[in-house]
């Protein structure tokens, strides 16, 4: 599922309603809007994700 959100005052606000029960926990992977992964090879996408996970700007437990 791909959702669009806007970051405002420290909170991600979805641009469309989400059909989930209240209190449902989800995992989110952030991709800056305008990044076009649809035209990339899967191996290149996975390499970009792995690089982001290794970077200091992203913390993943």
N, C-alpha and C. Protein backbone atom coordinates (compact mmCIF):
# COMPACT_ATOMS: atom_id res chain seq x y z
N UNK A 1 0.85 -1.17 0.00
CA UNK A 1 0.00 0.00 0.00
C UNK A 1 0.90 1.24 0.00
N UNK A 2 0.65 2.16 -0.89
CA UNK A 2 1.39 3.41 -0.93
C UNK A 2 0.45 4.53 -0.52
N UNK A 3 0.87 5.30 0.47
CA UNK A 3 0.08 6.41 0.98
C UNK A 3 0.88 7.69 0.86
N UNK A 4 0.20 8.79 0.72
CA UNK A 4 0.87 10.09 0.69
C UNK A 4 0.55 10.82 1.98
N UNK A 5 1.56 11.49 2.53
CA UNK A 5 1.37 12.25 3.76
C UNK A 5 2.15 13.55 3.67
N UNK A 6 1.77 14.48 4.52
CA UNK A 6 2.45 15.77 4.62
C UNK A 6 2.98 15.88 6.05
N UNK A 7 4.24 16.26 6.18
CA UNK A 7 4.85 16.43 7.50
C UNK A 7 4.61 17.86 7.96
N UNK A 8 3.86 18.01 9.05
CA UNK A 8 3.52 19.33 9.58
C UNK A 8 3.65 19.33 11.10
N UNK A 9 4.42 20.25 11.62
CA UNK A 9 4.58 20.45 13.05
C UNK A 9 4.92 19.14 13.78
N UNK A 10 5.82 18.36 13.18
CA UNK A 10 6.30 17.15 13.82
C UNK A 10 5.41 15.93 13.66
N UNK A 11 4.37 16.04 12.83
CA UNK A 11 3.42 14.94 12.66
C UNK A 11 3.20 14.67 11.17
N UNK A 12 3.16 13.38 10.79
CA UNK A 12 2.79 13.02 9.43
C UNK A 12 1.27 13.00 9.34
N UNK A 13 0.70 13.76 8.40
CA UNK A 13 -0.75 13.81 8.21
C UNK A 13 -1.05 13.21 6.86
N UNK A 14 -1.85 12.11 6.85
CA UNK A 14 -2.21 11.47 5.59
C UNK A 14 -3.10 12.39 4.76
N UNK A 15 -2.93 12.33 3.45
CA UNK A 15 -3.75 13.16 2.56
C UNK A 15 -5.09 12.51 2.25
N UNK A 16 -5.20 11.21 2.53
CA UNK A 16 -6.46 10.48 2.32
C UNK A 16 -6.74 9.64 3.56
N UNK A 17 -8.02 9.38 3.85
CA UNK A 17 -8.35 8.53 5.00
C UNK A 17 -7.78 7.12 4.83
N UNK A 18 -7.52 6.48 5.95
CA UNK A 18 -6.96 5.14 5.95
C UNK A 18 -7.97 4.22 6.62
N UNK A 19 -8.29 3.11 5.98
CA UNK A 19 -9.31 2.19 6.48
C UNK A 19 -8.67 1.14 7.38
N UNK A 20 -8.31 1.55 8.60
CA UNK A 20 -7.76 0.64 9.61
C UNK A 20 -8.47 0.88 10.92
N UNK A 21 -8.62 -0.15 11.73
CA UNK A 21 -9.22 0.05 13.05
C UNK A 21 -8.37 1.00 13.90
N UNK A 22 -8.99 1.78 14.72
CA UNK A 22 -8.31 2.71 15.62
C UNK A 22 -7.31 1.94 16.48
N UNK A 23 -6.11 2.45 16.61
CA UNK A 23 -5.08 1.83 17.44
C UNK A 23 -4.23 0.80 16.73
N UNK A 24 -4.49 0.56 15.43
CA UNK A 24 -3.68 -0.40 14.67
C UNK A 24 -2.26 0.11 14.54
N UNK A 25 -1.29 -0.72 14.84
CA UNK A 25 0.12 -0.35 14.67
C UNK A 25 0.55 -0.73 13.26
N UNK A 26 1.35 0.12 12.64
CA UNK A 26 1.87 -0.13 11.30
C UNK A 26 3.36 0.18 11.29
N UNK A 27 4.06 -0.35 10.30
CA UNK A 27 5.45 0.01 10.05
C UNK A 27 5.49 0.89 8.83
N UNK A 28 6.34 1.91 8.85
CA UNK A 28 6.38 2.89 7.78
C UNK A 28 7.80 3.00 7.24
N UNK A 29 7.93 2.99 5.93
CA UNK A 29 9.19 3.29 5.26
C UNK A 29 8.99 4.61 4.54
N UNK A 30 9.81 5.59 4.84
CA UNK A 30 9.66 6.91 4.23
C UNK A 30 10.46 7.03 2.95
N UNK A 31 9.82 7.54 1.93
CA UNK A 31 10.46 7.85 0.67
C UNK A 31 10.03 9.26 0.32
N UNK A 32 10.98 10.16 0.17
CA UNK A 32 10.65 11.54 -0.15
C UNK A 32 9.87 11.61 -1.46
N UNK A 33 8.78 12.36 -1.46
CA UNK A 33 7.95 12.50 -2.65
C UNK A 33 8.80 12.97 -3.82
N UNK A 34 8.52 12.43 -4.98
CA UNK A 34 9.30 12.77 -6.17
C UNK A 34 10.35 11.72 -6.47
N UNK A 35 10.60 10.80 -5.51
CA UNK A 35 11.50 9.69 -5.76
C UNK A 35 10.73 8.66 -6.54
N UNK A 36 11.17 8.35 -7.73
CA UNK A 36 10.40 7.49 -8.62
C UNK A 36 11.00 6.09 -8.67
N UNK A 37 10.57 5.24 -7.73
CA UNK A 37 11.08 3.88 -7.69
C UNK A 37 10.42 2.99 -8.74
N UNK A 38 9.32 3.41 -9.33
CA UNK A 38 8.61 2.57 -10.28
C UNK A 38 9.42 2.31 -11.54
N UNK A 39 10.39 3.15 -11.84
CA UNK A 39 11.18 2.99 -13.06
C UNK A 39 12.58 2.47 -12.78
N UNK A 40 12.78 1.89 -11.59
CA UNK A 40 14.08 1.35 -11.24
C UNK A 40 14.01 -0.16 -11.12
N UNK A 41 15.16 -0.79 -11.27
CA UNK A 41 15.25 -2.24 -11.12
C UNK A 41 15.10 -2.58 -9.63
N UNK A 42 14.47 -3.71 -9.31
CA UNK A 42 14.32 -4.11 -7.90
C UNK A 42 15.64 -4.15 -7.14
N UNK A 43 16.71 -4.62 -7.77
CA UNK A 43 18.00 -4.68 -7.10
C UNK A 43 18.50 -3.28 -6.72
N UNK A 44 18.25 -2.30 -7.58
CA UNK A 44 18.66 -0.92 -7.30
C UNK A 44 17.84 -0.34 -6.15
N UNK A 45 16.55 -0.67 -6.11
CA UNK A 45 15.68 -0.20 -5.02
C UNK A 45 16.16 -0.79 -3.70
N UNK A 46 16.44 -2.10 -3.67
CA UNK A 46 16.92 -2.73 -2.44
C UNK A 46 18.26 -2.16 -2.00
N UNK A 47 19.13 -1.86 -2.94
CA UNK A 47 20.42 -1.26 -2.59
C UNK A 47 20.22 0.13 -1.97
N UNK A 48 19.27 0.90 -2.49
CA UNK A 48 18.99 2.22 -1.94
C UNK A 48 18.42 2.11 -0.52
N UNK A 49 17.56 1.13 -0.30
CA UNK A 49 17.00 0.93 1.04
C UNK A 49 18.10 0.50 2.01
N UNK A 50 18.95 -0.43 1.59
CA UNK A 50 20.05 -0.88 2.45
C UNK A 50 20.98 0.27 2.79
N UNK A 51 21.26 1.12 1.82
CA UNK A 51 22.12 2.27 2.06
C UNK A 51 21.48 3.23 3.07
N UNK A 52 20.18 3.45 2.92
CA UNK A 52 19.48 4.34 3.85
C UNK A 52 19.49 3.77 5.26
N UNK A 53 19.34 2.46 5.39
CA UNK A 53 19.35 1.84 6.71
C UNK A 53 20.72 1.94 7.37
N UNK A 54 21.78 1.98 6.57
CA UNK A 54 23.13 2.10 7.11
C UNK A 54 23.51 3.54 7.43
N UNK A 55 22.78 4.48 6.88
CA UNK A 55 23.17 5.89 7.04
C UNK A 55 22.91 6.36 8.47
N UNK A 56 23.60 7.39 8.85
CA UNK A 56 23.43 7.95 10.19
C UNK A 56 22.11 8.69 10.34
N UNK A 57 21.50 9.07 9.23
CA UNK A 57 20.26 9.84 9.31
C UNK A 57 19.04 8.95 9.55
N UNK A 58 19.20 7.64 9.52
CA UNK A 58 18.08 6.73 9.69
C UNK A 58 18.42 5.74 10.77
N UNK A 59 17.53 5.61 11.76
CA UNK A 59 17.74 4.64 12.84
C UNK A 59 16.76 3.51 12.65
N UNK A 60 17.27 2.30 12.65
CA UNK A 60 16.42 1.12 12.54
C UNK A 60 16.88 0.14 13.60
N UNK A 61 15.96 -0.30 14.47
CA UNK A 61 16.38 -1.18 15.57
C UNK A 61 16.91 -2.51 15.10
